[in-house]
N, C-alpha and C. Protein backbone atom coordinates (compact mmCIF):
# COMPACT_ATOMS: atom_id res chain seq x y z
N UNK A 1 34.78 4.23 -11.48
CA UNK A 1 32.97 4.11 -11.57
C UNK A 1 32.52 3.12 -10.87
N UNK A 2 31.46 3.62 -10.01
CA UNK A 2 31.04 2.63 -9.71
C UNK A 2 29.57 1.66 -10.24
N UNK A 3 29.68 0.66 -10.09
CA UNK A 3 28.48 0.05 -10.33
C UNK A 3 26.93 0.78 -9.84
N UNK A 4 26.08 0.53 -10.96
CA UNK A 4 24.74 0.77 -10.93
C UNK A 4 24.56 2.48 -10.69
N UNK A 5 25.14 3.28 -11.24
CA UNK A 5 24.97 4.52 -11.58
C UNK A 5 24.54 4.25 -12.82
N UNK A 6 23.14 5.18 -13.44
CA UNK A 6 22.47 5.89 -14.95
C UNK A 6 22.65 6.83 -15.39
N UNK A 7 22.90 6.75 -16.46
CA UNK A 7 23.16 7.97 -17.05
C UNK A 7 21.98 8.70 -17.31
N UNK A 8 22.32 10.28 -17.22
CA UNK A 8 21.69 11.03 -17.20
C UNK A 8 20.33 11.28 -18.13
N UNK A 9 19.39 11.16 -18.13
CA UNK A 9 18.16 11.15 -19.04
C UNK A 9 18.00 12.15 -19.80
N UNK A 10 17.73 12.31 -21.12
CA UNK A 10 17.40 13.04 -21.98
C UNK A 10 16.27 13.65 -21.24
N UNK A 11 15.60 15.04 -22.12
CA UNK A 11 14.24 15.48 -22.07
C UNK A 11 13.81 14.80 -22.64
N UNK A 12 12.11 14.80 -22.12
CA UNK A 12 10.88 14.34 -23.00
C UNK A 12 10.79 14.87 -24.46
N UNK A 13 11.53 15.87 -25.09
CA UNK A 13 10.63 16.38 -26.17
C UNK A 13 11.35 16.03 -27.67
N UNK A 14 12.76 14.67 -26.93
CA UNK A 14 12.87 14.24 -28.63
C UNK A 14 12.03 13.11 -28.70
N UNK A 15 12.00 13.18 -29.89
CA UNK A 15 10.82 12.21 -30.65
C UNK A 15 11.29 10.83 -30.98
N UNK A 16 12.23 10.58 -31.14
CA UNK A 16 13.07 9.31 -30.93
C UNK A 16 13.64 9.07 -29.82
N UNK A 17 12.99 7.04 -29.69
CA UNK A 17 13.71 6.75 -28.55
C UNK A 17 15.02 6.44 -28.37
N UNK A 18 14.89 6.91 -26.68
CA UNK A 18 16.36 7.17 -26.21
C UNK A 18 16.17 5.86 -24.97
N UNK A 19 17.40 5.45 -24.58
CA UNK A 19 17.43 4.40 -23.57
C UNK A 19 18.54 4.86 -22.78
N UNK A 20 18.62 5.10 -21.73
CA UNK A 20 19.87 5.44 -20.84
C UNK A 20 20.10 3.79 -20.21
N UNK A 21 21.43 3.62 -20.51
CA UNK A 21 22.27 2.22 -20.07
C UNK A 21 23.33 2.67 -18.83
N UNK A 22 23.10 1.66 -18.16
CA UNK A 22 24.02 1.41 -16.61
C UNK A 22 25.37 1.38 -16.83
N UNK A 23 26.09 2.50 -16.28
CA UNK A 23 27.47 2.54 -16.60
C UNK A 23 28.04 0.93 -16.35
N UNK A 24 28.93 0.70 -17.43
CA UNK A 24 29.96 -0.57 -17.18
C UNK A 24 31.32 -0.32 -16.75
N UNK A 25 31.92 -0.93 -16.09
CA UNK A 25 33.57 -0.69 -15.84
C UNK A 25 34.32 -0.60 -16.73
N UNK A 26 35.32 0.34 -16.42
CA UNK A 26 36.26 0.14 -17.31
C UNK A 26 37.27 -0.16 -16.35
N UNK A 27 37.32 -1.43 -16.05
CA UNK A 27 38.52 -2.01 -15.22
C UNK A 27 39.94 -1.73 -16.36
N UNK A 28 41.27 -1.96 -15.46
CA UNK A 28 42.46 -1.76 -16.32
C UNK A 28 43.11 -3.52 -16.54
N UNK A 29 43.52 -3.97 -17.33
CA UNK A 29 44.02 -5.74 -16.78
C UNK A 29 45.13 -5.92 -15.98
N UNK A 30 45.44 -4.83 -15.49
CA UNK A 30 46.48 -5.22 -13.88
C UNK A 30 45.19 -5.52 -12.97
N UNK A 31 43.81 -5.15 -13.01
CA UNK A 31 43.11 -4.94 -11.73
C UNK A 31 42.62 -6.61 -11.66
N UNK A 32 43.39 -7.45 -12.66
CA UNK A 32 42.68 -9.01 -12.94
C UNK A 32 42.36 -9.40 -11.69
N UNK A 33 43.63 -9.72 -10.48
CA UNK A 33 43.11 -9.97 -9.22
C UNK A 33 42.24 -9.43 -8.38
N UNK A 34 41.80 -8.71 -8.47
CA UNK A 34 40.56 -8.34 -8.06
C UNK A 34 39.53 -9.10 -7.66
N UNK A 35 38.48 -9.52 -6.32
CA UNK A 35 37.40 -10.07 -6.26
C UNK A 35 36.76 -9.75 -7.45
N UNK A 36 36.10 -8.95 -7.77
CA UNK A 36 35.18 -8.73 -8.62
C UNK A 36 35.49 -8.49 -9.90
N UNK A 37 36.44 -9.13 -10.74
CA UNK A 37 36.86 -8.77 -12.05
C UNK A 37 36.77 -10.66 -12.62
N UNK A 38 36.39 -10.98 -13.31
CA UNK A 38 36.18 -12.06 -14.28
C UNK A 38 36.50 -11.83 -15.69
N UNK A 39 37.44 -12.26 -15.82
CA UNK A 39 37.73 -12.44 -18.01
C UNK A 39 37.82 -13.25 -18.50
N UNK A 40 37.77 -12.87 -19.54
CA UNK A 40 37.77 -14.61 -20.24
C UNK A 40 38.32 -14.28 -21.95
N UNK A 41 39.15 -15.05 -22.62
CA UNK A 41 38.98 -15.47 -24.03
C UNK A 41 38.21 -15.75 -24.94
N UNK A 42 37.67 -15.29 -25.77
CA UNK A 42 36.67 -15.88 -26.67
C UNK A 42 36.83 -15.67 -28.34
N UNK A 43 36.97 -17.23 -28.83
CA UNK A 43 37.70 -16.56 -30.48
C UNK A 43 35.86 -16.05 -31.14
N UNK A 44 36.44 -15.24 -32.34
CA UNK A 44 35.28 -14.95 -33.32
C UNK A 44 36.16 -15.21 -34.57
N UNK A 45 35.36 -16.55 -35.06
CA UNK A 45 36.21 -16.41 -36.50
C UNK A 45 37.52 -16.71 -36.34
N UNK A 46 37.70 -17.58 -35.24
CA UNK A 46 39.24 -17.83 -35.39
C UNK A 46 40.11 -17.37 -34.48
N UNK A 47 39.70 -16.16 -33.86
CA UNK A 47 40.62 -14.60 -33.86
C UNK A 47 40.23 -14.89 -32.38
N UNK A 48 40.78 -14.92 -31.60
CA UNK A 48 40.90 -14.47 -29.81
C UNK A 48 40.80 -12.73 -29.76
N UNK A 49 39.73 -13.02 -28.71
CA UNK A 49 39.10 -11.36 -28.40
C UNK A 49 39.11 -11.51 -26.56
N UNK A 50 39.56 -10.58 -25.64
CA UNK A 50 39.54 -10.39 -24.44
C UNK A 50 38.34 -9.81 -24.17
N UNK A 51 37.60 -10.41 -23.31
CA UNK A 51 36.18 -9.98 -22.92
C UNK A 51 36.59 -9.69 -21.02
N UNK A 52 35.94 -8.59 -20.98
CA UNK A 52 35.19 -8.05 -19.48
C UNK A 52 34.16 -8.66 -19.06
N UNK A 53 33.71 -9.63 -18.02
CA UNK A 53 32.58 -9.97 -18.18
C UNK A 53 32.04 -8.94 -16.63
N UNK A 54 31.19 -8.27 -17.32
CA UNK A 54 30.35 -7.47 -16.30
C UNK A 54 29.45 -7.10 -15.87
N UNK A 55 28.41 -7.54 -14.98
CA UNK A 55 27.36 -7.44 -14.28
C UNK A 55 26.80 -5.96 -14.25
N UNK A 56 27.72 -5.03 -14.26
CA UNK A 56 27.01 -3.69 -14.00
C UNK A 56 26.42 -3.03 -15.24
N UNK A 57 26.77 -3.68 -16.35
CA UNK A 57 26.49 -3.21 -17.18
C UNK A 57 25.04 -3.60 -17.95
N UNK A 58 24.33 -3.23 -18.61
CA UNK A 58 22.45 -4.14 -19.27
C UNK A 58 23.08 -4.36 -20.31
N UNK A 59 23.77 -3.56 -21.10
CA UNK A 59 24.55 -4.11 -22.32
C UNK A 59 25.43 -4.61 -22.62
N UNK A 60 26.05 -5.28 -23.84
CA UNK A 60 27.38 -6.25 -24.01
C UNK A 60 27.56 -5.09 -25.40
N UNK A 61 29.04 -4.53 -25.28
CA UNK A 61 30.01 -4.00 -26.11
C UNK A 61 31.34 -4.70 -26.63
N UNK A 62 31.72 -3.83 -27.74
CA UNK A 62 33.27 -4.26 -28.48
C UNK A 62 33.56 -2.70 -28.77
N UNK A 63 34.78 -3.11 -28.57
CA UNK A 63 35.54 -1.61 -28.68
C UNK A 63 35.39 -1.21 -30.44
N UNK A 64 36.06 0.00 -30.30
CA UNK A 64 35.52 0.25 -31.91
C UNK A 64 36.73 0.05 -32.68
N UNK A 65 37.47 -0.43 -31.91
CA UNK A 65 39.13 -0.48 -32.86
C UNK A 65 38.88 -2.18 -32.92
N UNK A 66 38.15 -2.84 -32.75
CA UNK A 66 38.33 -4.58 -33.03
C UNK A 66 37.05 -4.54 -33.86
N UNK A 67 35.92 -3.86 -33.88
CA UNK A 67 34.74 -4.26 -35.01
C UNK A 67 34.58 -4.33 -35.80
N UNK A 68 35.92 -3.86 -36.67
CA UNK A 68 35.77 -3.66 -38.09
C UNK A 68 36.90 -5.44 -38.43
N UNK A 69 37.13 -5.92 -37.23
CA UNK A 69 37.73 -7.45 -37.65
C UNK A 69 36.58 -8.25 -37.41
N UNK A 70 35.57 -8.02 -37.42
CA UNK A 70 34.61 -9.21 -36.75
C UNK A 70 34.19 -10.31 -38.06
N UNK A 71 34.05 -9.41 -38.91
CA UNK A 71 33.53 -9.79 -40.30
C UNK A 71 31.86 -10.33 -39.97
N UNK A 72 31.38 -9.20 -39.16
CA UNK A 72 29.82 -9.23 -39.11
C UNK A 72 29.52 -7.83 -39.19
N UNK A 73 27.84 -8.03 -40.00
CA UNK A 73 27.50 -6.73 -40.82
C UNK A 73 27.04 -6.02 -39.58
N UNK A 74 27.24 -4.77 -39.91
CA UNK A 74 26.65 -3.55 -38.41
C UNK A 74 25.47 -2.82 -39.18
N UNK A 75 24.59 -2.86 -37.58
CA UNK A 75 23.18 -1.99 -38.09
C UNK A 75 23.33 -1.53 -37.47
N UNK A 76 22.09 -0.16 -37.62
CA UNK A 76 21.83 0.85 -36.62
C UNK A 76 20.84 0.50 -35.76
N UNK A 77 20.69 0.34 -34.67
CA UNK A 77 19.91 0.30 -34.24
C UNK A 77 18.63 1.54 -33.88
N UNK A 78 17.25 0.92 -33.89
CA UNK A 78 16.09 1.98 -34.28
C UNK A 78 16.05 2.82 -33.04
N UNK A 79 16.73 2.66 -31.73
CA UNK A 79 16.69 3.66 -30.73
C UNK A 79 18.43 3.49 -29.88
N UNK A 80 18.39 4.68 -29.89
CA UNK A 80 19.98 5.18 -29.18
C UNK A 80 20.15 4.72 -27.83
N UNK A 81 21.30 4.33 -27.12
CA UNK A 81 21.89 4.10 -25.88
C UNK A 81 22.38 5.36 -25.54
N UNK A 82 22.53 5.46 -24.37
CA UNK A 82 23.41 6.52 -23.66
C UNK A 82 24.12 5.82 -23.04
N UNK A 83 25.35 6.32 -23.26
CA UNK A 83 25.89 5.24 -22.44
C UNK A 83 27.31 6.19 -21.41
N UNK A 84 27.51 6.31 -20.38
CA UNK A 84 28.60 6.74 -19.84
C UNK A 84 30.03 6.20 -19.65
N UNK A 85 30.59 7.32 -20.42
CA UNK A 85 31.94 6.71 -20.85
C UNK A 85 33.10 6.65 -20.50
N UNK A 86 34.27 5.89 -20.12
CA UNK A 86 34.70 5.50 -18.92
C UNK A 86 35.68 7.18 -18.98
N UNK A 87 35.69 7.97 -19.74
CA UNK A 87 36.04 9.55 -19.37
C UNK A 87 35.06 10.24 -18.55
N UNK A 88 33.74 9.55 -18.47
CA UNK A 88 32.80 10.32 -17.86
C UNK A 88 32.03 11.18 -18.95
N UNK A 89 32.04 10.98 -20.09
CA UNK A 89 31.21 11.62 -21.03
C UNK A 89 29.96 10.87 -21.36
N UNK A 90 29.24 11.31 -21.94
CA UNK A 90 28.02 10.64 -22.18
C UNK A 90 27.92 10.14 -23.88
N UNK A 91 27.65 9.11 -24.28
CA UNK A 91 28.45 8.72 -25.07
C UNK A 91 27.00 8.09 -25.97
N UNK A 92 26.53 8.38 -27.32
CA UNK A 92 25.69 8.21 -28.09
C UNK A 92 25.80 6.73 -28.83
N UNK A 93 25.25 5.59 -28.37
CA UNK A 93 25.77 4.35 -29.43
C UNK A 93 24.57 3.88 -30.26
N UNK A 94 24.45 4.04 -31.21
CA UNK A 94 24.13 2.90 -32.46
C UNK A 94 24.41 1.85 -33.08
N UNK A 95 25.12 1.61 -33.47
CA UNK A 95 25.74 0.92 -34.08
C UNK A 95 26.06 -0.48 -33.54
N UNK A 96 24.87 -1.63 -33.77
CA UNK A 96 25.25 -2.92 -33.39
C UNK A 96 25.44 -3.83 -34.08
N UNK A 97 26.07 -5.07 -33.70
CA UNK A 97 26.53 -6.07 -34.26
C UNK A 97 25.59 -7.44 -33.73
N UNK A 98 24.62 -8.02 -34.77
CA UNK A 98 23.80 -8.78 -34.31
C UNK A 98 24.41 -10.19 -34.13
N UNK A 99 24.13 -10.70 -33.28
CA UNK A 99 24.80 -12.66 -33.64
C UNK A 99 26.27 -12.87 -33.74
N UNK A 100 26.76 -12.48 -33.09
CA UNK A 100 28.18 -12.20 -33.38
C UNK A 100 28.58 -13.69 -32.15
N UNK A 101 29.31 -14.64 -33.44
CA UNK A 101 29.72 -16.07 -32.64
C UNK A 101 30.86 -15.63 -31.65
N UNK A 102 30.23 -15.89 -30.33
CA UNK A 102 31.58 -16.23 -29.53
C UNK A 102 31.91 -17.44 -28.98
N UNK A 103 33.08 -18.09 -29.52
CA UNK A 103 33.37 -19.28 -29.53
C UNK A 103 34.11 -20.02 -27.81
N UNK A 104 33.91 -20.77 -27.52
CA UNK A 104 34.49 -21.22 -25.90
C UNK A 104 34.59 -22.99 -26.21
N UNK A 105 35.61 -23.30 -25.83
CA UNK A 105 36.00 -24.86 -26.03
C UNK A 105 34.47 -25.47 -26.93
N UNK A 106 34.73 -25.01 -28.22
CA UNK A 106 33.79 -25.28 -29.62
C UNK A 106 32.52 -25.15 -29.40
N UNK A 107 32.15 -24.79 -28.51
CA UNK A 107 30.71 -24.11 -28.65
C UNK A 107 30.68 -22.74 -28.87
N UNK A 108 29.70 -22.46 -29.56
CA UNK A 108 29.33 -21.32 -30.15
C UNK A 108 27.93 -20.26 -28.93
N UNK A 109 28.34 -19.00 -28.51
CA UNK A 109 27.33 -18.69 -27.77
C UNK A 109 27.54 -16.94 -28.14
N UNK A 110 25.88 -16.93 -28.92
CA UNK A 110 25.85 -15.78 -29.69
C UNK A 110 25.43 -14.39 -28.92
N UNK A 111 25.92 -13.20 -29.28
CA UNK A 111 25.95 -12.22 -28.68
C UNK A 111 25.78 -10.97 -29.46
N UNK A 112 25.20 -9.73 -29.16
CA UNK A 112 24.88 -9.14 -29.65
C UNK A 112 25.18 -7.56 -28.83
N UNK A 113 26.57 -6.97 -29.78
CA UNK A 113 27.35 -6.28 -29.06
C UNK A 113 27.44 -4.90 -29.74
N UNK A 114 27.09 -4.29 -29.00
CA UNK A 114 27.03 -2.52 -29.62
C UNK A 114 28.72 -1.86 -29.65
N UNK A 115 28.48 -0.95 -30.53
CA UNK A 115 30.36 -0.45 -30.34
C UNK A 115 30.18 0.74 -29.27
N UNK A 116 31.43 0.87 -28.96
CA UNK A 116 31.99 1.85 -28.45
C UNK A 116 33.38 1.96 -28.19
N UNK A 117 33.57 3.54 -27.70
CA UNK A 117 34.71 3.50 -27.52
C UNK A 117 35.70 3.25 -26.26
N UNK A 118 36.26 2.00 -25.87
CA UNK A 118 36.99 1.85 -24.57
C UNK A 118 38.32 1.07 -24.86
N UNK A 119 39.26 0.99 -23.79
CA UNK A 119 40.51 -0.06 -23.98
C UNK A 119 40.51 -0.66 -23.39
N UNK A 120 42.22 -1.22 -23.18
CA UNK A 120 41.68 -2.82 -22.57
C UNK A 120 41.46 -3.79 -22.22
N UNK A 121 40.00 -3.94 -23.04
CA UNK A 121 39.24 -5.19 -23.19
C UNK A 121 39.02 -5.02 -25.07
N UNK A 122 38.72 -5.82 -25.48
CA UNK A 122 38.24 -6.08 -26.53
C UNK A 122 36.43 -6.30 -26.59
N UNK A 123 35.81 -6.55 -25.65
CA UNK A 123 34.85 -7.12 -25.40
C UNK A 123 34.16 -6.67 -23.97
N UNK A 124 32.92 -6.23 -23.71
CA UNK A 124 32.37 -6.24 -22.76
C UNK A 124 30.99 -6.76 -22.42
N UNK A 125 31.12 -7.99 -21.87
CA UNK A 125 29.95 -8.82 -21.86
C UNK A 125 28.88 -8.39 -20.66
N UNK A 126 27.85 -8.05 -21.07
CA UNK A 126 26.58 -7.15 -19.62
C UNK A 126 25.45 -8.22 -19.83
N UNK A 127 24.99 -7.50 -18.34
CA UNK A 127 23.73 -8.61 -18.42
C UNK A 127 22.71 -9.22 -19.41
N UNK A 128 22.77 -8.35 -20.62
CA UNK A 128 22.03 -9.00 -21.86
C UNK A 128 22.68 -10.12 -22.07
N UNK A 129 23.80 -10.74 -22.50
CA UNK A 129 24.50 -11.94 -22.93
C UNK A 129 24.75 -13.01 -21.39
N UNK A 130 24.87 -12.36 -20.31
CA UNK A 130 24.48 -13.09 -19.28
C UNK A 130 23.37 -13.90 -18.69
N UNK A 131 22.45 -13.41 -18.88
CA UNK A 131 20.96 -14.07 -18.73
C UNK A 131 20.58 -15.06 -19.75
N UNK A 132 20.74 -14.35 -21.11
CA UNK A 132 20.64 -15.15 -22.15
C UNK A 132 21.06 -16.60 -22.05
N UNK A 133 22.71 -16.36 -21.72
CA UNK A 133 23.20 -18.00 -21.43
C UNK A 133 23.44 -18.54 -20.45
N UNK A 134 22.60 -17.91 -19.49
CA UNK A 134 22.36 -18.41 -18.42
C UNK A 134 23.84 -18.37 -17.38
N UNK A 135 24.10 -17.70 -17.52
CA UNK A 135 25.76 -17.66 -17.14
C UNK A 135 25.88 -17.72 -15.21
N UNK A 136 26.51 -18.37 -14.68
CA UNK A 136 27.19 -18.75 -13.27
C UNK A 136 28.26 -18.05 -13.01
N UNK A 137 28.40 -17.28 -12.32
CA UNK A 137 29.84 -16.26 -11.95
C UNK A 137 30.33 -17.26 -10.52
N UNK A 138 31.42 -17.44 -10.62
CA UNK A 138 31.97 -17.57 -9.50
C UNK A 138 32.94 -16.82 -9.30
N UNK A 139 33.13 -15.58 -8.64
CA UNK A 139 34.09 -14.58 -8.34
C UNK A 139 35.10 -15.74 -7.42
N UNK A 140 35.44 -16.06 -6.65
CA UNK A 140 36.20 -16.64 -5.91
C UNK A 140 37.13 -17.63 -6.96
N UNK A 141 36.66 -18.51 -7.84
CA UNK A 141 37.59 -19.17 -8.55
C UNK A 141 37.99 -18.54 -9.95
N UNK A 142 37.30 -17.13 -9.81
CA UNK A 142 37.47 -16.70 -11.39
C UNK A 142 36.81 -17.20 -12.78
N UNK A 143 35.91 -18.33 -12.43
CA UNK A 143 35.39 -19.05 -13.29
C UNK A 143 33.86 -18.79 -13.24
N UNK A 144 33.36 -18.44 -14.68
CA UNK A 144 31.89 -18.14 -15.63
C UNK A 144 31.88 -19.84 -15.97
N UNK A 145 30.74 -20.37 -16.04
CA UNK A 145 29.89 -21.28 -15.80
C UNK A 145 28.59 -20.73 -17.37
N UNK A 146 28.63 -21.46 -18.48
CA UNK A 146 27.56 -21.22 -19.25
C UNK A 146 26.89 -22.58 -19.86
N UNK A 147 25.67 -22.17 -19.98
CA UNK A 147 24.84 -23.41 -20.67
C UNK A 147 24.69 -23.15 -22.18
N UNK A 148 24.55 -24.24 -22.77
CA UNK A 148 24.53 -24.12 -24.13
C UNK A 148 22.69 -24.05 -24.26
N UNK A 149 22.49 -24.43 -25.64
CA UNK A 149 20.88 -24.56 -26.10
C UNK A 149 20.21 -25.77 -25.27
N UNK A 150 21.18 -26.72 -25.10
CA UNK A 150 20.66 -28.05 -25.20
C UNK A 150 20.97 -28.64 -23.19
N UNK A 151 21.53 -27.02 -22.82
CA UNK A 151 21.74 -27.29 -21.51
C UNK A 151 22.93 -28.10 -20.77
N UNK A 152 24.08 -28.60 -21.98
CA UNK A 152 25.21 -28.57 -21.28
C UNK A 152 25.95 -27.27 -20.63
N UNK A 153 26.87 -27.61 -19.73
CA UNK A 153 27.37 -26.79 -19.18
C UNK A 153 28.80 -26.46 -19.78
N UNK A 154 29.17 -25.74 -19.84
CA UNK A 154 30.87 -25.56 -20.43
C UNK A 154 31.13 -23.90 -19.83
N UNK A 155 32.57 -24.36 -19.13
CA UNK A 155 33.44 -23.39 -17.89
C UNK A 155 34.25 -22.56 -18.69
N UNK A 156 34.11 -21.52 -18.50
CA UNK A 156 34.76 -20.70 -18.90
C UNK A 156 35.91 -19.79 -17.93
N UNK A 157 37.18 -20.46 -17.84
CA UNK A 157 38.02 -19.89 -17.00
C UNK A 157 38.80 -18.43 -17.03
N UNK A 158 38.57 -17.84 -15.94
CA UNK A 158 39.07 -15.76 -15.90
C UNK A 158 40.51 -16.24 -16.35
N UNK A 159 40.63 -15.32 -16.75
CA UNK A 159 42.07 -14.90 -16.95
C UNK A 159 42.92 -14.24 -15.83
N UNK A 160 43.95 -14.49 -15.66
CA UNK A 160 45.02 -13.41 -14.91
C UNK A 160 45.86 -12.50 -15.40
């Protein structure tokens, strides 16, 4: 799956608001050495979750299989997002977990995660989260630097 593809839009005859999302890349763990892949581990309530950093995704997601272990209330979104799944199917996403506390190096970085069926990773962090936390990605070093609200830098080193 390539970066930058959009899910086909729905007809304008629907009255509810629909939004198309960019395709996220469903990478396999074995691709960890690929030059454009950065992964990391975050804690959510002291439980480790493996995350893929995905600049090709507008939104951030949590795997359906992991969402029950979050300990965070789920909301239904006011508008559905249509996402192209790793299997090439259009999937409507409308479950949102707001302000999920992703912890790294003792610092909390809140994330709004939409529930989606995918494997290999527990979380996919997209542009919404990366921009919010002023992420600076260094693909050569497999490293991501985040800024806290106070402007402090916290490095997240990618896993191989």
